[in-house]
Amino acid sequence: MKTKNFIIDAPDPLEAIKFRMEQQGLFNRDLAAILGSKSRVSDIFCNTRKLNLKMIRKLNEELNIPLETLVKEY
Protein backbone atom coordinates (compact mmCIF):
# COMPACT_ATOMS: atom_id res chain seq x y z
CA MET A 1 0.00 0.00 0.00
CA LYS A 2 1.42 3.33 -1.06
CA THR A 3 1.30 6.19 1.44
CA LYS A 4 0.03 9.52 0.19
CA ASN A 5 1.38 12.75 1.57
CA PHE A 6 -0.70 15.89 1.50
CA ILE A 7 0.79 19.34 1.84
CA ILE A 8 -1.10 21.53 4.28
CA ASP A 9 -0.51 25.24 3.94
CA ALA A 10 0.33 27.14 7.09
CA PRO A 11 -2.57 29.26 8.32
CA ASP A 12 -2.58 33.00 7.80
CA PRO A 13 -1.41 35.00 10.84
CA LEU A 14 -4.90 35.94 12.03
CA GLU A 15 -6.16 32.37 11.89
CA ALA A 16 -3.05 31.20 13.75
CA ILE A 17 -3.63 33.79 16.48
CA LYS A 18 -7.31 32.85 16.81
CA PHE A 19 -6.44 29.15 16.92
CA ARG A 20 -3.83 29.64 19.64
CA MET A 21 -6.22 31.82 21.64
CA GLU A 22 -8.84 29.07 21.42
CA GLN A 23 -6.30 26.42 22.46
CA GLN A 24 -5.28 28.43 25.51
CA GLY A 25 -8.76 29.68 26.42
CA LEU A 26 -7.78 33.31 25.82
CA PHE A 27 -10.08 36.21 25.02
CA ASN A 28 -9.51 39.48 23.16
CA ARG A 29 -8.81 41.19 26.49
CA ASP A 30 -5.95 38.73 27.07
CA LEU A 31 -4.54 39.53 23.66
CA ALA A 32 -4.92 43.24 24.44
CA ALA A 33 -2.57 42.74 27.40
CA ILE A 34 0.02 41.38 24.95
CA LEU A 35 -0.51 43.87 22.10
CA GLY A 36 -1.31 47.01 24.06
CA SER A 37 -5.02 47.78 23.78
CA LYS A 38 -8.45 46.37 22.97
CA SER A 39 -8.83 48.73 20.03
CA ARG A 40 -5.56 47.48 18.53
CA VAL A 41 -6.77 43.88 18.77
CA SER A 42 -10.08 44.85 17.19
CA ASP A 43 -8.32 46.70 14.36
CA ILE A 44 -6.10 43.69 13.68
CA PHE A 45 -9.03 41.26 13.53
CA CYS A 46 -11.01 43.68 11.32
CA ASN A 47 -8.01 43.98 8.95
CA THR A 48 -7.73 47.75 9.44
CA ARG A 49 -4.31 47.36 11.05
CA LYS A 50 -1.49 45.00 10.16
CA LEU A 51 0.83 43.31 12.60
CA ASN A 52 4.08 45.19 13.07
CA LEU A 53 7.45 43.72 14.02
CA LYS A 54 7.02 44.46 17.73
CA MET A 55 3.60 42.74 17.77
CA ILE A 56 4.97 39.75 15.86
CA ARG A 57 7.80 39.33 18.35
CA LYS A 58 5.43 39.56 21.33
CA LEU A 59 3.01 37.04 19.83
CA ASN A 60 5.89 34.68 19.14
CA GLU A 61 7.22 35.01 22.70
CA GLU A 62 3.89 35.01 24.57
CA LEU A 63 1.80 32.61 22.49
CA ASN A 64 4.62 30.60 20.91
CA ILE A 65 3.30 31.11 17.38
CA PRO A 66 6.06 30.47 14.83
CA LEU A 67 7.60 33.58 13.29
CA GLU A 68 7.21 32.06 9.81
CA THR A 69 3.45 32.05 10.32
CA LEU A 70 3.20 35.54 11.75
CA VAL A 71 5.18 37.26 8.99
CA LYS A 72 3.05 35.90 6.14
CA GLU A 73 0.94 38.34 4.10
CA TYR A 74 -2.75 38.31 4.89
PDB file of N, CA and C in Angstrom:
ATOM      1  N   MET A   1       0.839  -1.174   0.000  1.00  0.00           N
ATOM      2  CA  MET A   1       0.000   0.000   0.000  1.00  0.00           C
ATOM      3  C   MET A   1       0.891   1.246   0.000  1.00  0.00           C
ATOM      4  N   LYS A   2       0.623   2.123  -0.927  1.00  0.00           N
ATOM      5  CA  LYS A   2       1.421   3.335  -1.061  1.00  0.00           C
ATOM      6  C   LYS A   2       0.850   4.443  -0.169  1.00  0.00           C
ATOM      7  N   THR A   3       1.722   5.099   0.564  1.00  0.00           N
ATOM      8  CA  THR A   3       1.297   6.185   1.442  1.00  0.00           C
ATOM      9  C   THR A   3       1.239   7.482   0.653  1.00  0.00           C
ATOM     10  N   LYS A   4       0.161   8.230   0.849  1.00  0.00           N
ATOM     11  CA  LYS A   4       0.026   9.522   0.192  1.00  0.00           C
ATOM     12  C   LYS A   4       0.338  10.620   1.194  1.00  0.00           C
ATOM     13  N   ASN A   5       1.070  11.592   0.736  1.00  0.00           N
ATOM     14  CA  ASN A   5       1.377  12.752   1.565  1.00  0.00           C
ATOM     15  C   ASN A   5       0.641  13.956   1.010  1.00  0.00           C
ATOM     16  N   PHE A   6       0.022  14.693   1.891  1.00  0.00           N
ATOM     17  CA  PHE A   6      -0.696  15.890   1.500  1.00  0.00           C
ATOM     18  C   PHE A   6      -0.024  17.096   2.130  1.00  0.00           C
ATOM     19  N   ILE A   7       0.181  18.107   1.337  1.00  0.00           N
ATOM     20  CA  ILE A   7       0.787  19.341   1.837  1.00  0.00           C
ATOM     21  C   ILE A   7      -0.325  20.217   2.407  1.00  0.00           C
ATOM     22  N   ILE A   8      -0.128  20.644   3.638  1.00  0.00           N
ATOM     23  CA  ILE A   8      -1.096  21.530   4.276  1.00  0.00           C
ATOM     24  C   ILE A   8      -0.436  22.883   4.429  1.00  0.00           C
ATOM     25  N   ASP A   9      -1.060  23.896   3.837  1.00  0.00           N
ATOM     26  CA  ASP A   9      -0.512  25.240   3.938  1.00  0.00           C
ATOM     27  C   ASP A   9      -0.619  25.741   5.365  1.00  0.00           C
ATOM     28  N   ALA A  10       0.375  26.515   5.767  1.00  0.00           N
ATOM     29  CA  ALA A  10       0.334  27.141   7.086  1.00  0.00           C
ATOM     30  C   ALA A  10      -0.807  28.149   7.100  1.00  0.00           C
ATOM     31  N   PRO A  11      -1.455  28.313   8.246  1.00  0.00           N
ATOM     32  CA  PRO A  11      -2.570  29.261   8.319  1.00  0.00           C
ATOM     33  C   PRO A  11      -2.075  30.704   8.179  1.00  0.00           C
ATOM     34  N   ASP A  12      -2.988  31.609   7.832  1.00  0.00           N
ATOM     35  CA  ASP A  12      -2.578  33.004   7.804  1.00  0.00           C
ATOM     36  C   ASP A  12      -2.412  33.459   9.258  1.00  0.00           C
ATOM     37  N   PRO A  13      -1.713  34.563   9.484  1.00  0.00           N
ATOM     38  CA  PRO A  13      -1.411  35.001  10.845  1.00  0.00           C
ATOM     39  C   PRO A  13      -2.644  35.163  11.735  1.00  0.00           C
ATOM     40  N   LEU A  14      -3.711  35.725  11.210  1.00  0.00           N
ATOM     41  CA  LEU A  14      -4.902  35.944  12.031  1.00  0.00           C
ATOM     42  C   LEU A  14      -5.539  34.628  12.448  1.00  0.00           C
ATOM     43  N   GLU A  15      -5.598  33.677  11.546  1.00  0.00           N
ATOM     44  CA  GLU A  15      -6.156  32.369  11.887  1.00  0.00           C
ATOM     45  C   GLU A  15      -5.272  31.662  12.910  1.00  0.00           C
ATOM     46  N   ALA A  16      -3.969  31.808  12.786  1.00  0.00           N
ATOM     47  CA  ALA A  16      -3.052  31.195  13.749  1.00  0.00           C
ATOM     48  C   ALA A  16      -3.233  31.805  15.140  1.00  0.00           C
ATOM     49  N   ILE A  17      -3.414  33.118  15.196  1.00  0.00           N
ATOM     50  CA  ILE A  17      -3.628  33.788  16.484  1.00  0.00           C
ATOM     51  C   ILE A  17      -4.939  33.323  17.104  1.00  0.00           C
ATOM     52  N   LYS A  18      -6.007  33.287  16.304  1.00  0.00           N
ATOM     53  CA  LYS A  18      -7.313  32.853  16.810  1.00  0.00           C
ATOM     54  C   LYS A  18      -7.257  31.402  17.291  1.00  0.00           C
ATOM     55  N   PHE A  19      -6.564  30.554  16.545  1.00  0.00           N
ATOM     56  CA  PHE A  19      -6.441  29.149  16.921  1.00  0.00           C
ATOM     57  C   PHE A  19      -5.708  29.007  18.248  1.00  0.00           C
ATOM     58  N   ARG A  20      -4.601  29.729  18.396  1.00  0.00           N
ATOM     59  CA  ARG A  20      -3.828  29.640  19.638  1.00  0.00           C
ATOM     60  C   ARG A  20      -4.622  30.196  20.819  1.00  0.00           C
ATOM     61  N   MET A  21      -5.373  31.263  20.580  1.00  0.00           N
ATOM     62  CA  MET A  21      -6.223  31.821  21.635  1.00  0.00           C
ATOM     63  C   MET A  21      -7.262  30.782  22.075  1.00  0.00           C
ATOM     64  N   GLU A  22      -7.860  30.105  21.111  1.00  0.00           N
ATOM     65  CA  GLU A  22      -8.845  29.071  21.422  1.00  0.00           C
ATOM     66  C   GLU A  22      -8.204  27.931  22.203  1.00  0.00           C
ATOM     67  N   GLN A  23      -7.016  27.504  21.774  1.00  0.00           N
ATOM     68  CA  GLN A  23      -6.302  26.425  22.456  1.00  0.00           C
ATOM     69  C   GLN A  23      -6.039  26.766  23.918  1.00  0.00           C
ATOM     70  N   GLN A  24      -5.680  28.028  24.172  1.00  0.00           N
ATOM     71  CA  GLN A  24      -5.282  28.432  25.515  1.00  0.00           C
ATOM     72  C   GLN A  24      -6.424  29.064  26.311  1.00  0.00           C
ATOM     73  N   GLY A  25      -7.615  29.103  25.731  1.00  0.00           N
ATOM     74  CA  GLY A  25      -8.755  29.679  26.421  1.00  0.00           C
ATOM     75  C   GLY A  25      -8.627  31.181  26.647  1.00  0.00           C
ATOM     76  N   LEU A  26      -7.995  31.867  25.696  1.00  0.00           N
ATOM     77  CA  LEU A  26      -7.779  33.307  25.816  1.00  0.00           C
ATOM     78  C   LEU A  26      -8.899  34.085  25.133  1.00  0.00           C
ATOM     79  N   PHE A  27      -9.095  35.299  25.602  1.00  0.00           N
ATOM     80  CA  PHE A  27     -10.077  36.209  25.024  1.00  0.00           C
ATOM     81  C   PHE A  27      -9.359  37.421  24.447  1.00  0.00           C
ATOM     82  N   ASN A  28     -10.109  38.274  23.745  1.00  0.00           N
ATOM     83  CA  ASN A  28      -9.509  39.479  23.162  1.00  0.00           C
ATOM     84  C   ASN A  28      -8.838  40.339  24.228  1.00  0.00           C
ATOM     85  N   ARG A  29      -9.415  40.383  25.416  1.00  0.00           N
ATOM     86  CA  ARG A  29      -8.814  41.191  26.487  1.00  0.00           C
ATOM     87  C   ARG A  29      -7.432  40.648  26.872  1.00  0.00           C
ATOM     88  N   ASP A  30      -7.260  39.323  26.784  1.00  0.00           N
ATOM     89  CA  ASP A  30      -5.954  38.726  27.071  1.00  0.00           C
ATOM     90  C   ASP A  30      -4.947  39.111  25.994  1.00  0.00           C
ATOM     91  N   LEU A  31      -5.403  39.127  24.764  1.00  0.00           N
ATOM     92  CA  LEU A  31      -4.545  39.525  23.656  1.00  0.00           C
ATOM     93  C   LEU A  31      -4.206  41.012  23.753  1.00  0.00           C
ATOM     94  N   ALA A  32      -5.157  41.809  24.254  1.00  0.00           N
ATOM     95  CA  ALA A  32      -4.917  43.243  24.439  1.00  0.00           C
ATOM     96  C   ALA A  32      -3.778  43.473  25.425  1.00  0.00           C
ATOM     97  N   ALA A  33      -3.667  42.618  26.429  1.00  0.00           N
ATOM     98  CA  ALA A  33      -2.570  42.738  27.395  1.00  0.00           C
ATOM     99  C   ALA A  33      -1.220  42.487  26.721  1.00  0.00           C
ATOM    100  N   ILE A  34      -1.223  41.679  25.682  1.00  0.00           N
ATOM    101  CA  ILE A  34       0.015  41.382  24.947  1.00  0.00           C
ATOM    102  C   ILE A  34       0.316  42.479  23.928  1.00  0.00           C
ATOM    103  N   LEU A  35      -0.713  42.935  23.209  1.00  0.00           N
ATOM    104  CA  LEU A  35      -0.505  43.866  22.096  1.00  0.00           C
ATOM    105  C   LEU A  35      -0.694  45.339  22.465  1.00  0.00           C
ATOM    106  N   GLY A  36      -1.254  45.620  23.634  1.00  0.00           N
ATOM    107  CA  GLY A  36      -1.314  47.012  24.058  1.00  0.00           C
ATOM    108  C   GLY A  36      -2.683  47.591  24.323  1.00  0.00           C
ATOM    109  N   SER A  37      -3.697  47.220  23.535  1.00  0.00           N
ATOM    110  CA  SER A  37      -5.025  47.784  23.775  1.00  0.00           C
ATOM    111  C   SER A  37      -6.087  46.949  23.077  1.00  0.00           C
ATOM    112  N   LYS A  38      -7.324  47.082  23.577  1.00  0.00           N
ATOM    113  CA  LYS A  38      -8.454  46.370  22.970  1.00  0.00           C
ATOM    114  C   LYS A  38      -8.717  46.875  21.556  1.00  0.00           C
ATOM    115  N   SER A  39      -8.562  48.185  21.357  1.00  0.00           N
ATOM    116  CA  SER A  39      -8.831  48.732  20.026  1.00  0.00           C
ATOM    117  C   SER A  39      -7.809  48.221  19.004  1.00  0.00           C
ATOM    118  N   ARG A  40      -6.582  48.022  19.431  1.00  0.00           N
ATOM    119  CA  ARG A  40      -5.557  47.483  18.529  1.00  0.00           C
ATOM    120  C   ARG A  40      -5.920  46.059  18.119  1.00  0.00           C
ATOM    121  N   VAL A  41      -6.366  45.259  19.066  1.00  0.00           N
ATOM    122  CA  VAL A  41      -6.773  43.884  18.770  1.00  0.00           C
ATOM    123  C   VAL A  41      -7.952  43.896  17.803  1.00  0.00           C
ATOM    124  N   SER A  42      -8.916  44.739  18.066  1.00  0.00           N
ATOM    125  CA  SER A  42     -10.084  44.852  17.191  1.00  0.00           C
ATOM    126  C   SER A  42      -9.676  45.261  15.780  1.00  0.00           C
ATOM    127  N   ASP A  43      -8.793  46.243  15.672  1.00  0.00           N
ATOM    128  CA  ASP A  43      -8.319  46.697  14.359  1.00  0.00           C
ATOM    129  C   ASP A  43      -7.601  45.583  13.604  1.00  0.00           C
ATOM    130  N   ILE A  44      -6.829  44.789  14.318  1.00  0.00           N
ATOM    131  CA  ILE A  44      -6.099  43.689  13.684  1.00  0.00           C
ATOM    132  C   ILE A  44      -7.078  42.650  13.147  1.00  0.00           C
ATOM    133  N   PHE A  45      -8.078  42.272  13.965  1.00  0.00           N
ATOM    134  CA  PHE A  45      -9.030  41.257  13.530  1.00  0.00           C
ATOM    135  C   PHE A  45      -9.991  41.773  12.458  1.00  0.00           C
ATOM    136  N   CYS A  46     -10.158  43.089  12.367  1.00  0.00           N
ATOM    137  CA  CYS A  46     -11.006  43.680  11.316  1.00  0.00           C
ATOM    138  C   CYS A  46     -10.202  44.028  10.065  1.00  0.00           C
ATOM    139  N   ASN A  47      -8.919  43.712  10.068  1.00  0.00           N
ATOM    140  CA  ASN A  47      -8.006  43.984   8.952  1.00  0.00           C
ATOM    141  C   ASN A  47      -7.838  45.468   8.651  1.00  0.00           C
ATOM    142  N   THR A  48      -8.004  46.327   9.642  1.00  0.00           N
ATOM    143  CA  THR A  48      -7.734  47.750   9.437  1.00  0.00           C
ATOM    144  C   THR A  48      -6.345  48.114   9.943  1.00  0.00           C
ATOM    145  N   ARG A  49      -5.685  47.168  10.580  1.00  0.00           N
ATOM    146  CA  ARG A  49      -4.312  47.358  11.051  1.00  0.00           C
ATOM    147  C   ARG A  49      -3.560  46.062  10.830  1.00  0.00           C
ATOM    148  N   LYS A  50      -2.340  46.176  10.357  1.00  0.00           N
ATOM    149  CA  LYS A  50      -1.486  45.004  10.156  1.00  0.00           C
ATOM    150  C   LYS A  50      -0.588  44.809  11.370  1.00  0.00           C
ATOM    151  N   LEU A  51      -0.127  43.592  11.533  1.00  0.00           N
ATOM    152  CA  LEU A  51       0.829  43.313  12.595  1.00  0.00           C
ATOM    153  C   LEU A  51       2.156  43.996  12.275  1.00  0.00           C
ATOM    154  N   ASN A  52       2.752  44.625  13.273  1.00  0.00           N
ATOM    155  CA  ASN A  52       4.079  45.191  13.065  1.00  0.00           C
ATOM    156  C   ASN A  52       5.118  44.262  13.708  1.00  0.00           C
ATOM    157  N   LEU A  53       6.373  44.592  13.541  1.00  0.00           N
ATOM    158  CA  LEU A  53       7.445  43.722  14.016  1.00  0.00           C
ATOM    159  C   LEU A  53       7.393  43.511  15.526  1.00  0.00           C
ATOM    160  N   LYS A  54       7.105  44.569  16.265  1.00  0.00           N
ATOM    161  CA  LYS A  54       7.023  44.457  17.726  1.00  0.00           C
ATOM    162  C   LYS A  54       5.894  43.512  18.137  1.00  0.00           C
ATOM    163  N   MET A  55       4.738  43.625  17.481  1.00  0.00           N
ATOM    164  CA  MET A  55       3.605  42.743  17.774  1.00  0.00           C
ATOM    165  C   MET A  55       3.947  41.297  17.438  1.00  0.00           C
ATOM    166  N   ILE A  56       4.583  41.096  16.299  1.00  0.00           N
ATOM    167  CA  ILE A  56       4.969  39.754  15.860  1.00  0.00           C
ATOM    168  C   ILE A  56       5.900  39.117  16.873  1.00  0.00           C
ATOM    169  N   ARG A  57       6.867  39.865  17.352  1.00  0.00           N
ATOM    170  CA  ARG A  57       7.803  39.326  18.354  1.00  0.00           C
ATOM    171  C   ARG A  57       7.080  38.965  19.648  1.00  0.00           C
ATOM    172  N   LYS A  58       6.156  39.836  20.093  1.00  0.00           N
ATOM    173  CA  LYS A  58       5.426  39.561  21.333  1.00  0.00           C
ATOM    174  C   LYS A  58       4.537  38.325  21.190  1.00  0.00           C
ATOM    175  N   LEU A  59       3.858  38.204  20.054  1.00  0.00           N
ATOM    176  CA  LEU A  59       3.010  37.035  19.827  1.00  0.00           C
ATOM    177  C   LEU A  59       3.834  35.754  19.781  1.00  0.00           C
ATOM    178  N   ASN A  60       4.995  35.835  19.186  1.00  0.00           N
ATOM    179  CA  ASN A  60       5.894  34.685  19.139  1.00  0.00           C
ATOM    180  C   ASN A  60       6.344  34.297  20.550  1.00  0.00           C
ATOM    181  N   GLU A  61       6.730  35.276  21.338  1.00  0.00           N
ATOM    182  CA  GLU A  61       7.216  35.007  22.696  1.00  0.00           C
ATOM    183  C   GLU A  61       6.097  34.554  23.636  1.00  0.00           C
ATOM    184  N   GLU A  62       4.967  35.263  23.608  1.00  0.00           N
ATOM    185  CA  GLU A  62       3.892  35.009  24.569  1.00  0.00           C
ATOM    186  C   GLU A  62       3.007  33.817  24.193  1.00  0.00           C
ATOM    187  N   LEU A  63       2.706  33.671  22.919  1.00  0.00           N
ATOM    188  CA  LEU A  63       1.796  32.609  22.487  1.00  0.00           C
ATOM    189  C   LEU A  63       2.505  31.474  21.758  1.00  0.00           C
ATOM    190  N   ASN A  64       3.810  31.632  21.553  1.00  0.00           N
ATOM    191  CA  ASN A  64       4.618  30.597  20.910  1.00  0.00           C
ATOM    192  C   ASN A  64       4.114  30.251  19.502  1.00  0.00           C
ATOM    193  N   ILE A  65       3.697  31.286  18.769  1.00  0.00           N
ATOM    194  CA  ILE A  65       3.298  31.112  17.376  1.00  0.00           C
ATOM    195  C   ILE A  65       4.560  31.290  16.536  1.00  0.00           C
ATOM    196  N   PRO A  66       4.832  30.379  15.623  1.00  0.00           N
ATOM    197  CA  PRO A  66       6.062  30.469  14.829  1.00  0.00           C
ATOM    198  C   PRO A  66       6.168  31.789  14.048  1.00  0.00           C
ATOM    199  N   LEU A  67       7.365  32.333  14.018  1.00  0.00           N
ATOM    200  CA  LEU A  67       7.600  33.578  13.290  1.00  0.00           C
ATOM    201  C   LEU A  67       7.232  33.444  11.817  1.00  0.00           C
ATOM    202  N   GLU A  68       7.500  32.274  11.237  1.00  0.00           N
ATOM    203  CA  GLU A  68       7.211  32.062   9.814  1.00  0.00           C
ATOM    204  C   GLU A  68       5.717  32.251   9.520  1.00  0.00           C
ATOM    205  N   THR A  69       4.890  31.896  10.478  1.00  0.00           N
ATOM    206  CA  THR A  69       3.449  32.049  10.315  1.00  0.00           C
ATOM    207  C   THR A  69       3.037  33.504  10.464  1.00  0.00           C
ATOM    208  N   LEU A  70       3.607  34.180  11.445  1.00  0.00           N
ATOM    209  CA  LEU A  70       3.204  35.544  11.753  1.00  0.00           C
ATOM    210  C   LEU A  70       3.629  36.572  10.699  1.00  0.00           C
ATOM    211  N   VAL A  71       4.692  36.294   9.962  1.00  0.00           N
ATOM    212  CA  VAL A  71       5.182  37.264   8.986  1.00  0.00           C
ATOM    213  C   VAL A  71       4.560  37.112   7.601  1.00  0.00           C
ATOM    214  N   LYS A  72       3.702  36.109   7.435  1.00  0.00           N
ATOM    215  CA  LYS A  72       3.048  35.900   6.138  1.00  0.00           C
ATOM    216  C   LYS A  72       2.096  37.050   5.827  1.00  0.00           C
ATOM    217  N   GLU A  73       1.929  37.334   4.538  1.00  0.00           N
ATOM    218  CA  GLU A  73       0.941  38.344   4.097  1.00  0.00           C
ATOM    219  C   GLU A  73      -0.450  37.808   4.356  1.00  0.00           C
ATOM    220  N   TYR A  74      -1.349  38.699   4.680  1.00  0.00           N
ATOM    221  CA  TYR A  74      -2.748  38.314   4.888  1.00  0.00           C
ATOM    222  C   TYR A  74      -3.660  39.417   4.439  1.00  0.00           C
TER     223      TYR A  74
END
